[in-house]
Amino acid sequence: MVGVPESHNGWTFVTNHARVLAVIADNPNVRIRDIATHCRLTERAVQRIISDLEQDGYLSHTRDGRSNTYRIEPGKVLRHPAEAGLPVASLLSLLVQDETHRAQKAQAQSPRLADTTA
């Protein structure tokens, strides 16, 4: 995956559940392995988070051979009382927009291959 974030110690503003959901929002066909790499989690932790999100109705998936296609329920409201009435789509619009920006920035900063034709 492009733009995998660097290691971080200490607290953060965004939960692992939100990070996993944002990666899925960016690519509904993403593999658990890629989610784990991007979010710096174990594959087992990602599986538990996906299970939590599915159990509470934020996420569902369909199986196509060995692949999953995930579907987020954008109208589902966030769980904490302080965000009562705020749909998950509002949160994801911030996180996915940021993810897109990071990916574009990483591509712009990567060294370009020199033209080697003579």
C-alpha atoms as a PDB file:
ATOM      1  CA  MET A   1       0.000   0.000   0.000  1.00  0.00           C
ATOM      2  CA  VAL A   2       1.176   3.491  -0.761  1.00  0.00           C
ATOM      3  CA  GLY A   3       1.844   5.828   2.124  1.00  0.00           C
ATOM      4  CA  VAL A   4       2.024   3.441   5.063  1.00  0.00           C
ATOM      5  CA  PRO A   5       2.403   5.679   8.122  1.00  0.00           C
ATOM      6  CA  GLU A   6       5.520   5.598  10.270  1.00  0.00           C
ATOM      7  CA  SER A   7       5.547   4.029  13.733  1.00  0.00           C
ATOM      8  CA  HIS A   8       4.000   6.053  16.525  1.00  0.00           C
ATOM      9  CA  ASN A   9       4.155   5.878  20.299  1.00  0.00           C
ATOM     10  CA  GLY A  10       1.658   7.498  22.633  1.00  0.00           C
ATOM     11  CA  TRP A  11      -1.973   8.390  22.255  1.00  0.00           C
ATOM     12  CA  THR A  12      -3.784   9.306  19.043  1.00  0.00           C
ATOM     13  CA  PHE A  13      -7.073  10.951  18.129  1.00  0.00           C
ATOM     14  CA  VAL A  14      -8.403   8.149  15.945  1.00  0.00           C
ATOM     15  CA  THR A  15      -9.263   4.643  17.159  1.00  0.00           C
ATOM     16  CA  ASN A  16      -8.162   1.465  15.409  1.00  0.00           C
ATOM     17  CA  HIS A  17     -11.807   0.789  14.515  1.00  0.00           C
ATOM     18  CA  ALA A  18     -11.987   4.123  12.686  1.00  0.00           C
ATOM     19  CA  ARG A  19      -8.674   3.477  10.933  1.00  0.00           C
ATOM     20  CA  VAL A  20      -9.802   0.053   9.701  1.00  0.00           C
ATOM     21  CA  LEU A  21     -13.123   1.473   8.527  1.00  0.00           C
ATOM     22  CA  ALA A  22     -11.344   4.294   6.675  1.00  0.00           C
ATOM     23  CA  VAL A  23      -9.054   1.850   4.853  1.00  0.00           C
ATOM     24  CA  ILE A  24     -12.095  -0.195   3.831  1.00  0.00           C
ATOM     25  CA  ALA A  25     -13.910   2.968   2.710  1.00  0.00           C
ATOM     26  CA  ASP A  26     -10.923   3.776   0.517  1.00  0.00           C
ATOM     27  CA  ASN A  27     -10.915   0.274  -1.021  1.00  0.00           C
ATOM     28  CA  PRO A  28     -13.895  -2.063  -0.398  1.00  0.00           C
ATOM     29  CA  ASN A  29     -11.921  -5.022  -1.811  1.00  0.00           C
ATOM     30  CA  VAL A  30      -8.874  -4.550   0.409  1.00  0.00           C
ATOM     31  CA  ARG A  31      -7.281  -7.636   1.960  1.00  0.00           C
ATOM     32  CA  ILE A  32      -7.023  -8.050   5.731  1.00  0.00           C
ATOM     33  CA  ARG A  33      -3.253  -8.319   5.339  1.00  0.00           C
ATOM     34  CA  ASP A  34      -3.130  -4.895   3.669  1.00  0.00           C
ATOM     35  CA  ILE A  35      -5.396  -3.334   6.302  1.00  0.00           C
ATOM     36  CA  ALA A  36      -3.119  -4.712   9.010  1.00  0.00           C
ATOM     37  CA  THR A  37      -0.009  -3.342   7.330  1.00  0.00           C
ATOM     38  CA  HIS A  38      -1.524   0.075   6.782  1.00  0.00           C
ATOM     39  CA  CYS A  39      -2.956   0.386  10.300  1.00  0.00           C
ATOM     40  CA  ARG A  40       0.094  -1.215  11.933  1.00  0.00           C
ATOM     41  CA  LEU A  41      -2.033  -3.935  13.525  1.00  0.00           C
ATOM     42  CA  THR A  42      -1.922  -7.709  13.486  1.00  0.00           C
ATOM     43  CA  GLU A  43      -4.163  -9.521  11.044  1.00  0.00           C
ATOM     44  CA  ARG A  44      -5.963 -11.075  14.023  1.00  0.00           C
ATOM     45  CA  ALA A  45      -6.654  -7.618  15.491  1.00  0.00           C
ATOM     46  CA  VAL A  46      -8.075  -6.482  12.141  1.00  0.00           C
ATOM     47  CA  GLN A  47     -10.296  -9.576  12.026  1.00  0.00           C
ATOM     48  CA  ARG A  48     -11.637  -8.762  15.518  1.00  0.00           C
ATOM     49  CA  ILE A  49     -12.273  -5.140  14.551  1.00  0.00           C
ATOM     50  CA  ILE A  50     -14.094  -6.170  11.368  1.00  0.00           C
ATOM     51  CA  SER A  51     -16.160  -8.610  13.433  1.00  0.00           C
ATOM     52  CA  ASP A  52     -17.048  -5.805  15.897  1.00  0.00           C
ATOM     53  CA  LEU A  53     -18.031  -3.482  13.040  1.00  0.00           C
ATOM     54  CA  GLU A  54     -20.164  -6.173  11.395  1.00  0.00           C
ATOM     55  CA  GLN A  55     -21.814  -7.195  14.649  1.00  0.00           C
ATOM     56  CA  ASP A  56     -22.901  -3.597  15.312  1.00  0.00           C
ATOM     57  CA  GLY A  57     -24.117  -3.048  11.734  1.00  0.00           C
ATOM     58  CA  TYR A  58     -21.458  -0.622  10.486  1.00  0.00           C
ATOM     59  CA  LEU A  59     -20.040  -3.050   7.973  1.00  0.00           C
ATOM     60  CA  SER A  60     -21.040  -6.128   6.001  1.00  0.00           C
ATOM     61  CA  HIS A  61     -19.215  -8.245   3.483  1.00  0.00           C
ATOM     62  CA  THR A  62     -19.884 -10.567   0.601  1.00  0.00           C
ATOM     63  CA  ARG A  63     -17.571 -13.397  -0.291  1.00  0.00           C
ATOM     64  CA  ASP A  64     -16.396 -13.786  -3.888  1.00  0.00           C
ATOM     65  CA  GLY A  65     -14.149 -16.826  -4.102  1.00  0.00           C
ATOM     66  CA  ARG A  66     -11.251 -16.110  -1.765  1.00  0.00           C
ATOM     67  CA  SER A  67     -11.911 -12.356  -1.652  1.00  0.00           C
ATOM     68  CA  ASN A  68     -14.256 -10.184   0.379  1.00  0.00           C
ATOM     69  CA  THR A  69     -16.055  -7.079  -0.758  1.00  0.00           C
ATOM     70  CA  TYR A  70     -17.005  -4.859   2.154  1.00  0.00           C
ATOM     71  CA  ARG A  71     -19.983  -2.521   2.358  1.00  0.00           C
ATOM     72  CA  ILE A  72     -20.126   0.289   4.905  1.00  0.00           C
ATOM     73  CA  GLU A  73     -23.473   1.519   6.212  1.00  0.00           C
ATOM     74  CA  PRO A  74     -22.902   5.277   5.821  1.00  0.00           C
ATOM     75  CA  GLY A  75     -26.061   6.321   7.673  1.00  0.00           C
ATOM     76  CA  LYS A  76     -25.276   4.361  10.835  1.00  0.00           C
ATOM     77  CA  VAL A  77     -24.693   6.812  13.685  1.00  0.00           C
ATOM     78  CA  LEU A  78     -21.516   6.867  15.750  1.00  0.00           C
ATOM     79  CA  ARG A  79     -21.638   5.059  19.084  1.00  0.00           C
ATOM     80  CA  HIS A  80     -20.478   7.656  21.614  1.00  0.00           C
ATOM     81  CA  PRO A  81     -23.209   9.881  23.122  1.00  0.00           C
ATOM     82  CA  ALA A  82     -21.115  12.986  22.367  1.00  0.00           C
ATOM     83  CA  GLU A  83     -21.498  12.229  18.646  1.00  0.00           C
ATOM     84  CA  ALA A  84     -25.181  11.301  18.874  1.00  0.00           C
ATOM     85  CA  GLY A  85     -26.812  11.647  15.469  1.00  0.00           C
ATOM     86  CA  LEU A  86     -23.542  12.017  13.552  1.00  0.00           C
ATOM     87  CA  PRO A  87     -23.405   9.402  10.773  1.00  0.00           C
ATOM     88  CA  VAL A  88     -20.299   7.321  10.149  1.00  0.00           C
ATOM     89  CA  ALA A  89     -20.149   8.876   6.668  1.00  0.00           C
ATOM     90  CA  SER A  90     -19.225  12.224   8.234  1.00  0.00           C
ATOM     91  CA  LEU A  91     -16.245  10.729  10.017  1.00  0.00           C
ATOM     92  CA  LEU A  92     -15.154   8.781   6.964  1.00  0.00           C
ATOM     93  CA  SER A  93     -15.351  11.832   4.724  1.00  0.00           C
ATOM     94  CA  LEU A  94     -12.602  13.392   6.844  1.00  0.00           C
ATOM     95  CA  LEU A  95     -10.461  10.281   7.154  1.00  0.00           C
ATOM     96  CA  VAL A  96     -10.710   9.107   3.554  1.00  0.00           C
ATOM     97  CA  GLN A  97     -10.069  12.623   2.265  1.00  0.00           C
ATOM     98  CA  ASP A  98      -6.944  12.698   4.415  1.00  0.00           C
ATOM     99  CA  GLU A  99      -5.920   9.260   3.173  1.00  0.00           C
ATOM    100  CA  THR A 100      -6.293  10.383  -0.447  1.00  0.00           C
ATOM    101  CA  HIS A 101      -4.210  13.481   0.275  1.00  0.00           C
ATOM    102  CA  ARG A 102      -1.464  11.368   1.915  1.00  0.00           C
ATOM    103  CA  ALA A 103      -1.362   8.968  -1.034  1.00  0.00           C
ATOM    104  CA  GLN A 104      -1.101  11.830  -3.532  1.00  0.00           C
ATOM    105  CA  LYS A 105       1.640  13.479  -1.469  1.00  0.00           C
ATOM    106  CA  ALA A 106       3.603  10.203  -1.248  1.00  0.00           C
ATOM    107  CA  GLN A 107       3.365   9.726  -5.018  1.00  0.00           C
ATOM    108  CA  ALA A 108       4.537  13.283  -5.661  1.00  0.00           C
ATOM    109  CA  GLN A 109       7.540  12.812  -3.366  1.00  0.00           C
ATOM    110  CA  SER A 110       8.644   9.452  -4.772  1.00  0.00           C
ATOM    111  CA  PRO A 111      11.663   9.701  -7.085  1.00  0.00           C
ATOM    112  CA  ARG A 112      10.796   9.455 -10.734  1.00  0.00           C
ATOM    113  CA  LEU A 113      12.605   6.982 -12.922  1.00  0.00           C
ATOM    114  CA  ALA A 114      14.988   8.657 -15.336  1.00  0.00           C
ATOM    115  CA  ASP A 115      14.399   8.091 -18.983  1.00  0.00           C
ATOM    116  CA  THR A 116      17.080   5.584 -20.007  1.00  0.00           C
ATOM    117  CA  THR A 117      16.304   5.438 -23.726  1.00  0.00           C
ATOM    118  CA  ALA A 118      19.076   6.572 -26.049  1.00  0.00           C
END
